[in-house]
Each structure stands twice: as structure tokens, then as C-alpha cells.
N, C-alpha and C. Protein backbone atom coordinates (compact mmCIF):
# COMPACT_ATOMS: atom_id res chain seq x y z
N UNK A 1 -39.36 30.49 88.01
CA UNK A 1 -40.48 29.11 88.11
C UNK A 1 -40.39 28.09 89.25
N UNK A 2 -41.27 28.49 90.09
CA UNK A 2 -41.11 27.10 91.49
C UNK A 2 -41.27 25.65 90.92
N UNK A 3 -40.77 24.83 91.72
CA UNK A 3 -40.91 23.51 91.57
C UNK A 3 -40.90 22.66 92.40
N UNK A 4 -41.88 22.13 92.88
CA UNK A 4 -41.40 21.01 94.39
C UNK A 4 -41.85 19.56 93.60
N UNK A 5 -42.21 18.62 94.82
CA UNK A 5 -42.37 17.91 94.25
C UNK A 5 -43.59 16.73 93.86
N UNK A 6 -44.94 17.95 93.95
CA UNK A 6 -45.94 17.92 93.65
C UNK A 6 -46.15 18.32 92.27
N UNK A 7 -45.90 20.05 92.06
CA UNK A 7 -46.37 20.95 91.09
C UNK A 7 -45.03 21.73 90.36
N UNK A 8 -45.62 21.83 88.86
CA UNK A 8 -44.66 22.78 88.86
C UNK A 8 -45.43 23.60 88.07
N UNK A 9 -45.13 24.97 87.50
CA UNK A 9 -46.09 26.30 86.75
C UNK A 9 -45.63 25.65 84.96
N UNK A 10 -46.62 26.09 84.32
CA UNK A 10 -46.74 26.16 83.06
C UNK A 10 -47.54 26.78 82.23
N UNK A 11 -47.24 26.92 81.28
CA UNK A 11 -47.89 28.12 80.32
C UNK A 11 -49.45 27.60 80.73
N UNK A 12 -50.24 28.75 80.24
CA UNK A 12 -51.95 28.71 80.45
C UNK A 12 -52.25 27.83 79.49
N UNK A 13 -53.08 27.18 79.68
CA UNK A 13 -53.95 26.26 78.97
C UNK A 13 -55.63 26.67 78.83
N UNK A 14 -56.07 27.45 79.36
CA UNK A 14 -57.49 28.08 79.35
C UNK A 14 -57.37 29.31 79.46
N UNK A 15 -58.34 29.95 78.61
CA UNK A 15 -58.62 31.24 78.19
C UNK A 15 -58.47 32.27 79.54
N UNK A 16 -59.69 31.92 80.47
CA UNK A 16 -59.49 32.45 81.77
C UNK A 16 -58.60 31.94 82.81
N UNK A 17 -57.40 31.33 82.05
CA UNK A 17 -56.40 31.48 83.58
C UNK A 17 -55.34 32.54 83.27
N UNK A 18 -54.57 32.63 84.36
CA UNK A 18 -53.82 33.55 84.37
C UNK A 18 -52.86 33.32 83.69
N UNK A 19 -51.52 34.01 83.85
CA UNK A 19 -50.31 34.36 82.87
C UNK A 19 -49.49 32.58 83.21
N UNK A 20 -49.52 32.21 84.65
CA UNK A 20 -49.29 30.88 84.92
C UNK A 20 -50.33 29.88 85.33
N UNK A 21 -50.57 28.31 85.03
CA UNK A 21 -51.03 27.62 85.73
C UNK A 21 -50.39 26.50 86.15
N UNK A 22 -50.76 25.82 87.02
CA UNK A 22 -50.20 24.98 87.95
C UNK A 22 -50.26 22.97 87.01
N UNK A 23 -49.05 22.72 86.97
CA UNK A 23 -49.27 21.60 86.18
C UNK A 23 -49.20 20.33 87.70
N UNK A 24 -50.20 19.47 87.58
CA UNK A 24 -50.30 18.39 88.47
C UNK A 24 -50.27 17.26 88.03
N UNK A 25 -49.09 16.56 88.51
CA UNK A 25 -48.68 15.20 88.68
C UNK A 25 -49.73 13.94 88.46
N UNK A 26 -49.64 13.22 87.68
CA UNK A 26 -50.50 12.40 87.93
C UNK A 26 -50.04 11.03 88.75
N UNK A 27 -50.24 10.88 89.88
CA UNK A 27 -49.48 10.01 90.64
C UNK A 27 -49.11 8.47 89.90
N UNK A 28 -50.53 8.18 90.03
CA UNK A 28 -50.46 6.83 89.00
C UNK A 28 -49.57 6.72 87.74
N UNK A 29 -49.35 7.45 86.96
CA UNK A 29 -48.72 7.72 85.71
C UNK A 29 -47.19 7.75 86.60
N UNK A 30 -47.10 8.75 87.13
CA UNK A 30 -45.35 8.67 87.67
C UNK A 30 -45.32 7.60 88.42
N UNK A 31 -46.03 6.76 88.58
CA UNK A 31 -45.72 5.30 89.35
C UNK A 31 -45.18 4.47 88.71
N UNK A 32 -46.03 4.65 87.51
CA UNK A 32 -46.22 3.51 86.53
C UNK A 32 -44.48 3.97 85.57
N UNK A 33 -44.12 4.98 85.26
CA UNK A 33 -43.14 5.37 84.44
C UNK A 33 -42.03 4.96 85.25
N UNK A 34 -41.89 5.81 86.64
CA UNK A 34 -40.79 4.79 87.43
C UNK A 34 -40.62 3.76 87.33
N UNK A 35 -41.37 2.73 87.35
CA UNK A 35 -41.32 1.37 87.61
C UNK A 35 -40.59 0.94 86.06
N UNK A 36 -40.93 1.20 85.26
CA UNK A 36 -40.51 1.44 83.88
C UNK A 36 -38.94 1.83 83.56
N UNK A 37 -38.66 2.71 84.48
CA UNK A 37 -36.90 3.24 84.29
C UNK A 37 -36.26 2.72 85.49
N UNK A 38 -37.05 2.47 86.49
CA UNK A 38 -36.12 0.77 87.21
C UNK A 38 -35.42 -0.05 86.23
N UNK A 39 -36.54 -0.70 85.42
CA UNK A 39 -35.96 -1.63 84.97
C UNK A 39 -35.19 -1.36 83.62
N UNK A 40 -35.36 -0.30 83.34
CA UNK A 40 -34.35 0.43 82.23
C UNK A 40 -32.81 0.50 83.10
N UNK A 41 -33.33 1.00 83.98
CA UNK A 41 -31.55 1.03 84.77
C UNK A 41 -31.15 -0.19 84.89
N UNK A 42 -31.60 -0.96 85.58
CA UNK A 42 -31.18 -2.41 84.92
C UNK A 42 -30.70 -2.84 83.79
N UNK A 43 -31.40 -2.78 82.91
CA UNK A 43 -31.23 -3.66 81.58
C UNK A 43 -29.67 -2.74 81.20
N UNK A 44 -29.35 -1.12 81.27
CA UNK A 44 -28.25 -1.40 80.91
C UNK A 44 -26.98 -1.49 81.74
N UNK A 45 -26.80 -2.13 82.62
CA UNK A 45 -25.87 -2.58 83.63
C UNK A 45 -26.06 -1.66 85.05
N UNK A 46 -26.93 -0.76 85.48
CA UNK A 46 -26.80 -0.20 86.36
C UNK A 46 -27.40 -0.58 87.75
N UNK A 47 -26.65 -0.21 89.04
CA UNK A 47 -27.39 -0.51 90.56
C UNK A 47 -28.39 0.58 90.56
N UNK A 48 -29.96 0.29 90.55
CA UNK A 48 -30.98 1.15 90.57
C UNK A 48 -31.02 1.42 91.85
N UNK A 49 -30.47 0.89 93.35
CA UNK A 49 -30.11 1.54 94.41
C UNK A 49 -29.03 2.01 94.56
N UNK A 50 -27.98 2.40 93.55
CA UNK A 50 -27.07 3.30 94.70
C UNK A 50 -27.19 4.54 94.40
N UNK A 51 -26.42 5.53 95.96
CA UNK A 51 -27.02 6.60 95.96
C UNK A 51 -27.23 7.73 95.21
N UNK A 52 -26.16 7.40 93.92
CA UNK A 52 -27.17 8.68 92.59
C UNK A 52 -28.20 7.95 92.00
N UNK A 53 -28.54 7.31 91.97
CA UNK A 53 -29.50 6.59 90.95
C UNK A 53 -30.66 6.09 92.02
N UNK A 54 -31.10 6.37 93.38
CA UNK A 54 -31.65 6.17 93.81
C UNK A 54 -33.27 6.71 93.85
N UNK A 55 -33.34 7.80 93.50
CA UNK A 55 -34.44 8.82 93.06
C UNK A 55 -34.60 9.26 91.57
N UNK A 56 -33.63 8.47 91.01
CA UNK A 56 -33.87 8.93 89.27
C UNK A 56 -35.20 8.63 88.67
N UNK A 57 -35.63 7.32 88.86
CA UNK A 57 -36.23 6.55 88.13
C UNK A 57 -37.56 7.56 88.42
N UNK A 58 -37.82 8.33 89.52
CA UNK A 58 -39.16 9.44 89.89
C UNK A 58 -38.79 10.41 89.14
N UNK A 59 -37.50 10.78 88.90
CA UNK A 59 -37.06 12.44 88.88
C UNK A 59 -37.27 12.26 87.44
N UNK A 60 -36.69 11.16 86.63
CA UNK A 60 -36.96 11.30 84.84
C UNK A 60 -38.70 10.80 84.67
N UNK A 61 -39.28 10.12 85.81
CA UNK A 61 -40.69 9.99 85.63
C UNK A 61 -41.40 11.51 85.27
N UNK A 62 -40.99 12.34 86.34
CA UNK A 62 -41.88 13.92 86.38
C UNK A 62 -41.55 14.58 85.34
N UNK A 63 -39.61 14.78 84.77
CA UNK A 63 -39.08 15.18 83.65
C UNK A 63 -40.09 14.99 82.22
N UNK A 64 -40.34 13.40 82.20
CA UNK A 64 -41.26 13.24 81.25
C UNK A 64 -42.22 13.81 80.99
N UNK A 65 -43.29 13.58 82.51
CA UNK A 65 -44.73 14.39 82.12
C UNK A 65 -44.67 16.14 82.06
N UNK A 66 -43.43 16.41 82.79
CA UNK A 66 -43.36 18.26 82.48
C UNK A 66 -42.72 18.03 80.31
N UNK A 67 -41.96 17.54 80.29
CA UNK A 67 -41.59 17.64 78.41
C UNK A 67 -42.93 17.42 77.85
N UNK A 68 -43.64 16.51 78.18
CA UNK A 68 -45.06 15.76 77.41
C UNK A 68 -46.24 16.94 77.80
N UNK A 69 -46.45 18.02 78.63
CA UNK A 69 -47.14 18.45 78.76
C UNK A 69 -48.24 19.29 78.02
N UNK A 70 -47.69 19.15 76.60
CA UNK A 70 -48.58 19.75 75.61
C UNK A 70 -49.77 18.99 75.55
N UNK A 71 -49.65 17.56 75.51
CA UNK A 71 -50.88 17.17 75.09
C UNK A 71 -52.31 17.39 75.95
N UNK A 72 -51.96 18.17 77.17
CA UNK A 72 -53.44 18.69 78.03
C UNK A 72 -53.31 20.22 78.19
N UNK A 73 -52.63 20.91 76.56
CA UNK A 73 -52.97 22.36 76.92
C UNK A 73 -53.34 22.68 74.99
N UNK A 74 -54.46 23.44 75.18
CA UNK A 74 -54.93 23.37 73.77
C UNK A 74 -54.61 24.88 73.32
N UNK A 75 -54.08 24.70 72.82
CA UNK A 75 -53.32 26.08 71.88
C UNK A 75 -54.32 27.13 71.28
N UNK A 76 -55.48 26.54 70.57
CA UNK A 76 -56.26 27.08 69.96
C UNK A 76 -57.05 28.78 71.14
N UNK A 77 -57.14 27.91 72.59
CA UNK A 77 -57.50 28.91 73.27
C UNK A 77 -56.82 29.61 73.71
N UNK A 78 -55.82 29.33 73.83
CA UNK A 78 -54.23 30.48 74.40
C UNK A 78 -54.53 31.50 73.20
N UNK A 79 -54.56 31.26 72.36
CA UNK A 79 -54.50 32.40 70.90
C UNK A 79 -56.08 33.06 71.32
N UNK A 80 -57.18 32.00 71.84
CA UNK A 80 -58.39 32.96 71.59
C UNK A 80 -58.35 33.67 73.22
N UNK A 81 -57.77 33.54 73.87
CA UNK A 81 -57.62 34.38 75.29
C UNK A 81 -57.25 35.54 74.94
N UNK A 82 -56.42 36.21 73.80
CA UNK A 82 -56.19 37.31 73.82
C UNK A 82 -55.95 37.64 72.44
N UNK A 83 -57.11 37.84 71.65
CA UNK A 83 -57.57 38.43 70.73
C UNK A 83 -58.20 39.96 70.41
N UNK A 84 -57.68 40.72 69.64
CA UNK A 84 -58.36 41.82 69.90
C UNK A 84 -58.63 42.55 68.10
N UNK A 85 -59.82 43.08 68.01
CA UNK A 85 -60.13 44.01 67.03
C UNK A 85 -59.06 44.60 66.56
N UNK A 86 -58.58 44.92 65.27
CA UNK A 86 -57.34 46.08 64.87
C UNK A 86 -57.22 45.73 63.69
N UNK A 87 -57.20 47.34 62.96
CA UNK A 87 -57.43 46.88 61.30
C UNK A 87 -55.71 47.03 60.32
N UNK A 88 -54.96 46.82 61.45
CA UNK A 88 -53.43 46.98 60.58
C UNK A 88 -53.47 45.29 59.99
N UNK A 89 -52.88 45.74 58.50
CA UNK A 89 -52.74 44.94 58.23
C UNK A 89 -51.33 44.60 57.46
N UNK A 90 -50.74 44.68 58.39
CA UNK A 90 -48.70 44.64 58.00
C UNK A 90 -48.56 43.54 58.57
N UNK A 91 -47.19 43.19 58.24
CA UNK A 91 -46.47 41.89 58.84
C UNK A 91 -46.40 41.68 60.45
N UNK A 92 -47.01 40.87 61.15
CA UNK A 92 -46.33 40.75 62.37
C UNK A 92 -45.53 39.70 62.63
N UNK A 93 -43.94 40.06 63.24
CA UNK A 93 -43.04 38.91 62.83
C UNK A 93 -42.74 38.77 64.01
N UNK A 94 -42.46 37.39 64.78
CA UNK A 94 -41.84 37.12 66.28
C UNK A 94 -40.56 36.64 65.82
N UNK A 95 -39.13 36.28 66.02
CA UNK A 95 -38.27 35.49 65.57
C UNK A 95 -37.48 34.99 66.61
N UNK A 96 -36.75 34.33 66.71
CA UNK A 96 -35.82 33.75 67.63
C UNK A 96 -36.79 33.23 68.81
N UNK A 97 -38.02 32.26 68.72
CA UNK A 97 -38.63 32.09 69.78
C UNK A 97 -37.87 30.31 70.02
N UNK A 98 -37.61 30.21 70.86
CA UNK A 98 -36.91 28.99 71.80
C UNK A 98 -37.77 28.24 71.47
N UNK A 99 -36.88 26.65 71.32
CA UNK A 99 -38.17 25.81 70.82
C UNK A 99 -36.93 24.48 71.74
N UNK A 100 -38.10 23.88 72.23
CA UNK A 100 -37.35 22.59 72.74
C UNK A 100 -38.54 21.45 72.79
N UNK A 101 -38.02 20.48 71.95
CA UNK A 101 -39.10 19.33 71.55
C UNK A 101 -38.32 17.73 72.07
N UNK A 102 -38.94 16.97 71.66
CA UNK A 102 -38.54 15.42 71.82
C UNK A 102 -39.03 15.05 70.90
N UNK A 103 -38.16 14.37 69.68
CA UNK A 103 -37.63 13.49 68.74
C UNK A 103 -38.74 12.04 68.87
N UNK A 104 -39.76 11.77 68.22
CA UNK A 104 -40.73 10.71 68.50
C UNK A 104 -40.07 9.49 68.33
N UNK A 105 -39.11 9.64 67.50
CA UNK A 105 -38.37 8.36 66.86
C UNK A 105 -37.30 7.75 67.91
N UNK A 106 -36.55 8.81 68.52
CA UNK A 106 -35.77 8.16 69.25
C UNK A 106 -35.73 9.07 71.00
N UNK A 107 -36.89 9.75 71.29
CA UNK A 107 -37.27 10.40 72.66
C UNK A 107 -35.88 10.97 72.85
N UNK A 108 -35.03 11.65 72.28
CA UNK A 108 -33.47 12.47 72.51
C UNK A 108 -34.43 13.98 72.03
N UNK A 109 -33.71 15.11 72.92
CA UNK A 109 -34.65 16.39 72.45
C UNK A 109 -34.17 16.66 70.82
N UNK A 110 -34.89 18.09 70.58
CA UNK A 110 -34.30 18.77 69.73
C UNK A 110 -34.68 20.12 69.80
N UNK A 111 -34.04 21.32 69.46
CA UNK A 111 -34.20 22.39 70.32
C UNK A 111 -33.59 23.62 69.24
N UNK A 112 -33.70 24.62 69.16
CA UNK A 112 -33.76 25.58 68.19
C UNK A 112 -34.18 26.71 68.26
N UNK A 113 -34.55 27.40 67.51
CA UNK A 113 -35.19 28.88 67.03
C UNK A 113 -36.27 28.47 65.98
N UNK A 114 -37.82 29.13 66.51
CA UNK A 114 -38.84 29.46 65.85
C UNK A 114 -39.23 30.67 65.07
N UNK A 115 -39.25 30.79 63.69
CA UNK A 115 -39.57 32.17 63.02
C UNK A 115 -41.07 32.17 62.79
N UNK A 116 -41.80 33.33 63.18
CA UNK A 116 -43.37 32.91 62.78
C UNK A 116 -44.10 34.55 62.78
N UNK A 117 -44.66 34.46 61.10
CA UNK A 117 -45.28 36.09 61.05
C UNK A 117 -46.85 35.28 60.79
N UNK A 118 -47.14 36.78 60.46
CA UNK A 118 -48.86 36.67 60.06
C UNK A 118 -49.21 37.74 60.12
N UNK A 119 -50.09 37.97 58.58
CA UNK A 119 -50.79 39.03 58.09
C UNK A 119 -52.02 39.53 58.96
N UNK A 120 -52.52 40.26 59.75
CA UNK A 120 -54.11 40.16 60.53
C UNK A 120 -55.12 40.43 59.09
N UNK A 121 -56.17 39.84 59.31
CA UNK A 121 -57.19 40.30 58.80
C UNK A 121 -58.55 40.64 59.65
N UNK A 122 -58.36 41.62 60.59
CA UNK A 122 -59.41 42.36 61.38
C UNK A 122 -58.98 41.54 62.90
N UNK A 123 -58.15 40.67 63.01
CA UNK A 123 -57.80 40.76 64.22
C UNK A 123 -55.69 40.53 64.56
N UNK A 124 -55.67 40.98 65.92
CA UNK A 124 -54.48 40.62 66.38
C UNK A 124 -54.44 39.53 67.51
N UNK A 125 -53.52 39.66 68.09
CA UNK A 125 -53.36 38.55 69.17
C UNK A 125 -52.19 39.07 69.83
N UNK A 126 -52.27 38.77 71.37
CA UNK A 126 -50.98 39.14 72.02
C UNK A 126 -49.77 38.50 71.86
N UNK A 127 -48.94 39.39 72.01
CA UNK A 127 -47.74 38.42 71.43
C UNK A 127 -47.38 37.56 71.83
N UNK A 128 -47.50 37.53 73.51
CA UNK A 128 -46.74 36.64 74.28
C UNK A 128 -47.41 35.09 73.61
N UNK A 129 -48.44 35.41 73.21
CA UNK A 129 -49.73 33.78 73.26
C UNK A 129 -48.71 32.85 71.81
N UNK A 130 -48.35 33.38 71.03
CA UNK A 130 -47.64 32.68 70.07
C UNK A 130 -46.58 32.01 70.22
N UNK A 131 -45.69 32.56 71.32
CA UNK A 131 -44.52 31.69 71.72
C UNK A 131 -45.24 30.08 73.12
N UNK A 132 -45.84 30.74 73.43
CA UNK A 132 -47.07 29.71 74.41
C UNK A 132 -47.57 28.67 73.64
N UNK A 133 -47.99 29.33 71.90
CA UNK A 133 -48.76 28.51 70.85
C UNK A 133 -47.40 27.18 70.82
N UNK A 134 -46.12 27.63 70.48
CA UNK A 134 -44.96 26.76 70.33
C UNK A 134 -44.86 25.77 71.29
N UNK A 135 -44.79 26.49 72.57
CA UNK A 135 -44.47 25.34 73.27
C UNK A 135 -45.83 24.12 73.53
N UNK A 136 -46.99 24.90 73.40
CA UNK A 136 -47.97 24.05 73.78
C UNK A 136 -47.73 22.38 72.48
N UNK A 137 -47.47 22.75 71.16
CA UNK A 137 -47.08 21.91 70.70
C UNK A 137 -45.69 20.96 70.85
N UNK A 138 -44.80 21.94 71.43
CA UNK A 138 -43.11 21.29 71.30
C UNK A 138 -43.35 20.32 72.66
N UNK A 139 -44.29 20.72 73.40
CA UNK A 139 -43.83 20.00 74.54
C UNK A 139 -44.82 18.76 74.08
N UNK A 140 -44.51 17.37 73.63
CA UNK A 140 -45.09 17.04 72.67
C UNK A 140 -44.18 15.84 71.87
N UNK A 141 -44.09 14.37 71.71
CA UNK A 141 -43.37 13.72 71.18
C UNK A 141 -43.19 14.16 69.64
N UNK A 142 -42.52 14.74 69.01
CA UNK A 142 -42.78 15.55 67.73
C UNK A 142 -41.29 15.09 66.59
N UNK A 143 -41.96 15.38 65.72
CA UNK A 143 -40.95 15.49 64.52
C UNK A 143 -41.13 16.88 64.10
N UNK A 144 -39.65 17.14 63.52
CA UNK A 144 -40.13 18.88 63.24
C UNK A 144 -40.63 19.56 62.50
N UNK A 145 -41.26 18.71 61.18
CA UNK A 145 -41.94 18.69 60.37
C UNK A 145 -43.20 19.06 60.41
N UNK A 146 -43.67 17.93 61.37
CA UNK A 146 -45.10 18.21 61.61
C UNK A 146 -45.71 19.16 62.72
N UNK A 147 -44.67 19.40 63.92
CA UNK A 147 -44.31 20.88 64.51
C UNK A 147 -44.83 22.47 63.75
N UNK A 148 -43.91 22.63 62.43
CA UNK A 148 -44.35 23.78 61.85
C UNK A 148 -45.44 23.68 61.34
N UNK A 149 -45.83 22.88 61.06
CA UNK A 149 -46.96 22.84 60.00
C UNK A 149 -48.51 22.85 61.28
N UNK A 150 -48.07 22.38 62.59
CA UNK A 150 -49.17 22.75 63.54
C UNK A 150 -49.61 23.92 63.97
N UNK A 151 -48.56 24.44 63.93
CA UNK A 151 -48.21 25.76 64.53
C UNK A 151 -49.03 26.89 63.53
N UNK A 152 -48.34 26.67 62.36
CA UNK A 152 -49.07 27.16 60.84
C UNK A 152 -50.60 27.19 60.99
N UNK A 153 -51.01 25.65 61.19
CA UNK A 153 -52.22 25.93 61.10
C UNK A 153 -53.31 26.48 62.33
N UNK A 154 -52.90 26.40 63.39
CA UNK A 154 -53.34 26.59 64.55
C UNK A 154 -53.44 28.56 64.73
N UNK A 155 -52.25 29.03 63.94
CA UNK A 155 -52.89 30.37 64.00
C UNK A 155 -53.66 30.80 62.86
N UNK A 156 -53.50 29.84 61.48
CA UNK A 156 -54.54 30.31 60.40
C UNK A 156 -55.67 30.07 60.92
N UNK A 157 -56.04 28.62 61.54
CA UNK A 157 -57.14 28.59 61.33
C UNK A 157 -58.15 29.24 62.84
N UNK A 158 -57.23 30.07 63.58
CA UNK A 158 -58.38 30.51 65.11
C UNK A 158 -58.18 32.25 64.28
N UNK A 159 -56.94 32.41 63.89
CA UNK A 159 -57.19 34.09 63.78
C UNK A 159 -57.72 34.54 62.50
N UNK A 160 -57.60 33.58 61.64
CA UNK A 160 -58.04 33.30 60.01
C UNK A 160 -57.25 35.18 59.36
N UNK A 161 -55.89 34.95 59.74
CA UNK A 161 -55.52 36.14 59.05
C UNK A 161 -54.96 36.11 57.70
N UNK A 162 -54.40 36.90 56.94
CA UNK A 162 -54.39 36.95 55.40
C UNK A 162 -53.10 36.13 54.92
N UNK A 163 -52.41 35.27 56.21
CA UNK A 163 -51.71 34.37 55.55
C UNK A 163 -50.33 34.20 56.68
N UNK A 164 -49.89 33.04 56.50
CA UNK A 164 -49.10 32.53 58.02
C UNK A 164 -48.04 32.46 57.59
N UNK A 165 -46.36 32.51 57.94
CA UNK A 165 -45.15 31.88 57.85
C UNK A 165 -44.78 31.62 59.39
N UNK A 166 -44.18 30.15 58.96
CA UNK A 166 -43.20 29.71 60.10
C UNK A 166 -42.27 29.18 59.90
N UNK A 167 -41.25 29.44 60.37
CA UNK A 167 -39.63 28.29 60.12
C UNK A 167 -39.40 28.30 60.91
N UNK A 168 -38.53 27.02 61.11
CA UNK A 168 -37.68 26.27 62.34
C UNK A 168 -36.61 25.82 62.20
N UNK A 169 -35.70 26.34 63.04
CA UNK A 169 -34.10 26.00 62.41
C UNK A 169 -33.91 25.17 63.86
N UNK A 170 -33.54 23.78 63.87
CA UNK A 170 -32.99 23.04 65.12
C UNK A 170 -31.98 22.20 64.95
N UNK A 171 -31.64 21.78 65.85
CA UNK A 171 -30.59 20.67 66.22
C UNK A 171 -31.26 19.45 66.94
N UNK A 172 -30.74 18.76 66.27
CA UNK A 172 -31.29 17.08 66.70
C UNK A 172 -30.29 16.54 67.71
N UNK A 173 -30.42 15.84 68.64
CA UNK A 173 -29.22 15.02 69.43
C UNK A 173 -29.59 13.44 68.78
N UNK A 174 -30.40 13.20 68.58
CA UNK A 174 -30.51 12.26 67.46
C UNK A 174 -29.46 11.89 66.42
N UNK A 175 -29.09 13.03 65.89
CA UNK A 175 -28.04 12.99 64.51
C UNK A 175 -26.67 13.79 65.34
N UNK A 176 -26.84 14.22 66.73
CA UNK A 176 -25.26 14.95 67.15
C UNK A 176 -24.79 14.09 67.70
N UNK A 177 -25.73 12.87 69.11
CA UNK A 177 -25.24 12.27 69.77
C UNK A 177 -25.21 10.56 69.35
N UNK A 178 -25.80 10.46 68.50
CA UNK A 178 -25.78 8.87 68.10
C UNK A 178 -25.70 8.93 66.25
N UNK A 179 -26.11 7.69 65.37
CA UNK A 179 -26.19 7.69 64.13
C UNK A 179 -24.98 8.50 63.52
N UNK A 180 -25.06 9.35 62.75
CA UNK A 180 -24.30 9.53 61.81
C UNK A 180 -23.54 10.60 62.48
N UNK A 181 -24.36 11.52 63.66
CA UNK A 181 -22.92 12.08 64.43
C UNK A 181 -22.21 13.55 64.16
N UNK A 182 -23.13 13.96 63.62
CA UNK A 182 -23.32 15.23 62.72
C UNK A 182 -23.28 16.79 63.55
N UNK A 183 -21.93 16.96 64.14
CA UNK A 183 -22.44 18.36 65.50
C UNK A 183 -22.81 19.43 65.05
N UNK A 184 -22.57 19.32 63.48
CA UNK A 184 -23.10 21.16 62.85
C UNK A 184 -23.82 21.01 62.16
N UNK A 185 -24.90 19.80 62.07
CA UNK A 185 -26.20 19.88 61.07
C UNK A 185 -27.32 20.80 61.91
N UNK A 186 -28.09 21.21 60.77
CA UNK A 186 -29.53 21.78 61.49
C UNK A 186 -30.45 21.78 60.87
N UNK A 187 -31.88 21.72 61.16
CA UNK A 187 -32.63 20.78 60.03
C UNK A 187 -33.21 22.62 60.07
N UNK A 188 -33.74 22.57 58.97
CA UNK A 188 -34.80 24.17 58.42
C UNK A 188 -36.27 23.60 58.20
N UNK A 189 -37.06 23.62 58.64
CA UNK A 189 -38.53 23.53 57.68
C UNK A 189 -39.21 24.87 58.07
N UNK A 190 -40.13 24.58 57.00
CA UNK A 190 -41.55 26.11 56.71
C UNK A 190 -42.54 25.25 56.19
N UNK A 191 -43.09 26.50 56.52
CA UNK A 191 -44.15 26.43 56.05
C UNK A 191 -45.33 27.49 56.09
N UNK A 192 -46.26 27.50 54.84
CA UNK A 192 -46.47 29.07 54.76
C UNK A 192 -48.38 28.94 54.27
N UNK A 193 -48.70 30.06 54.28
CA UNK A 193 -50.32 30.16 54.10
C UNK A 193 -50.71 31.47 53.19
N UNK A 194 -51.38 31.53 52.44
CA UNK A 194 -52.03 32.73 51.92
C UNK A 194 -50.69 33.79 51.38
N UNK A 195 -51.24 35.27 51.93
CA UNK A 195 -49.95 35.85 50.97
C UNK A 195 -48.63 35.62 50.96
N UNK A 196 -48.08 34.38 52.33
CA UNK A 196 -46.63 34.47 52.26
C UNK A 196 -46.42 33.25 51.10
N UNK A 197 -47.21 32.67 50.35
CA UNK A 197 -47.37 31.95 49.36
C UNK A 197 -47.14 32.68 48.06
N UNK A 198 -47.03 34.02 47.95
CA UNK A 198 -46.53 34.96 47.09
C UNK A 198 -44.39 35.15 47.59
N UNK A 199 -43.99 35.30 46.28
CA UNK A 199 -42.61 35.38 46.69
C UNK A 199 -42.71 36.62 47.35
N UNK A 200 -42.80 37.94 46.64
CA UNK A 200 -42.44 38.69 47.47
C UNK A 200 -42.71 39.11 48.98
N UNK A 201 -43.91 39.03 49.22
CA UNK A 201 -44.33 38.90 50.69
C UNK A 201 -43.36 37.77 51.70
N UNK A 202 -43.23 36.35 50.69
CA UNK A 202 -42.23 35.36 51.27
C UNK A 202 -40.54 35.69 51.38
N UNK A 203 -40.47 36.68 50.28
CA UNK A 203 -39.23 37.24 50.47
C UNK A 203 -38.62 38.16 51.87
N UNK A 204 -39.89 39.30 51.77
CA UNK A 204 -40.10 40.10 52.69
C UNK A 204 -39.25 39.39 54.22
N UNK A 205 -40.62 38.24 54.73
CA UNK A 205 -40.49 37.50 55.80
C UNK A 205 -38.84 37.29 55.93
N UNK A 206 -38.29 36.66 54.77
CA UNK A 206 -36.95 35.58 54.88
C UNK A 206 -35.99 36.36 55.05
N UNK A 207 -35.85 37.67 54.50
CA UNK A 207 -35.20 38.97 55.02
C UNK A 207 -35.07 39.59 55.96
N UNK A 208 -36.25 39.56 56.54
CA UNK A 208 -36.51 40.12 57.95
C UNK A 208 -36.12 38.59 59.53
N UNK A 209 -36.27 37.67 58.99
CA UNK A 209 -35.75 36.86 60.27
C UNK A 209 -34.20 36.43 59.44
N UNK A 210 -33.56 36.90 58.80
CA UNK A 210 -32.16 36.72 58.63
C UNK A 210 -31.41 38.14 59.11
N UNK A 211 -32.17 38.73 59.00
CA UNK A 211 -31.04 40.22 59.48
C UNK A 211 -31.16 40.50 60.97
N UNK A 212 -30.11 40.75 61.45
CA UNK A 212 -29.71 40.78 62.64
C UNK A 212 -29.83 42.91 63.01
N UNK A 213 -30.88 43.32 64.09
CA UNK A 213 -30.19 44.39 64.33
C UNK A 213 -29.25 44.68 65.06
N UNK A 214 -28.71 45.73 65.10
CA UNK A 214 -27.76 46.42 65.68
C UNK A 214 -27.59 46.98 67.38
């Protein structure tokens, strides 16, 4: 991934785009954010003009635009860009998808893994598109519960499969670094549709995501 002062490459947001697309920073938003971060540095007792902090407000402004780029990405368009007719009727599972997001309550990161499965109903989707959908929703201010449902609903509404299953396991820095400060806590959320509401199908999914290949 190439990074410069004006652009960063991000996942595609349009069906006709290539594998990567350039994130163009909004200069007005950057300046506004940087100004606010200067005030924050002063408020916590720092000298915003010392060498180590001189460029920090703009760096953080750029970081925040990158971490919230999901607002500008259409997750359904990502899926529609690689849908293919196929008669496969068995579970398609992608597990251990890395998730990085920011809690909307404290604007601190939470991170972990997503496990996603669907049962096709006439169409399959390119496997790389499902992790891209995860990123599109994760790169917003989030709560884990909503993130889980948004991923499920996007796949269900776009592919119209026989069922969708989503499980996310994540650690939240708002719990690890502040507040209750329980460093080993992991939050798990799940959401299911269609065939995965049946005990047998859901159990198969849970067994698959719990197993490790040797």
C-alpha cells in the first residue's frame, strides 16, 4: 500500500473500479480536524509546537479520515461487482477475517476476527468481496452489535442467499485501557438469517469456525 501526503489506496467502492481505489483527502476537513486536535493537545497540557507534536494534528486528521473512509464506500456495490450465477447449494465460509473498527462511544479501537458464511441461491460472490464488505462497515464509528447486523443484512439483501451467518469476536480498547480494564475480555456477537436459524445448520457453522486446520 502506497501512502503519501495527499492520497492513500483503499478498497474499491464502485463496481467498475479496479482492485484498489485512491482515497482523496478533503483539505477543508483535514484543516478543520487538525485545528481541533491542536486545541485538544493544549487542553491535555501539551505544547503543540514542540518537535514531536508539531505535525501531529495533521497526522491524526489524516488518520481519522482513513479510519472513517467506510462512509464513502457502498458495500452492496462491492458485492454486485463480482456476482456470478452458480448452482452451488452448500455453505460458503470465510473465517478469521481481520476486523479493525472504532467504538462510537469513546472513539477507541476495537479489533478481532469475523466469521461469515452464506448458502447460495443461484448466485455466488468473489471471495475477496466479503472481507471488503467487512472493511466498508468497520471503517465507520461503530458498535460491534450493529456491525454484525450490517454485514449480515448487506449480504442477504444483495445476494438473496438461502441464509447468512456472521460471528464477530473482538477486543475493545475502551474495556482494556480504561473503565473496567479487563485485558482478557473478548466480546462475541452473532447474527443469522434463513437456513442458519435451524439448529443443525447453525451448529455446522459453529463447528467449522471453531476448528483449526492442521
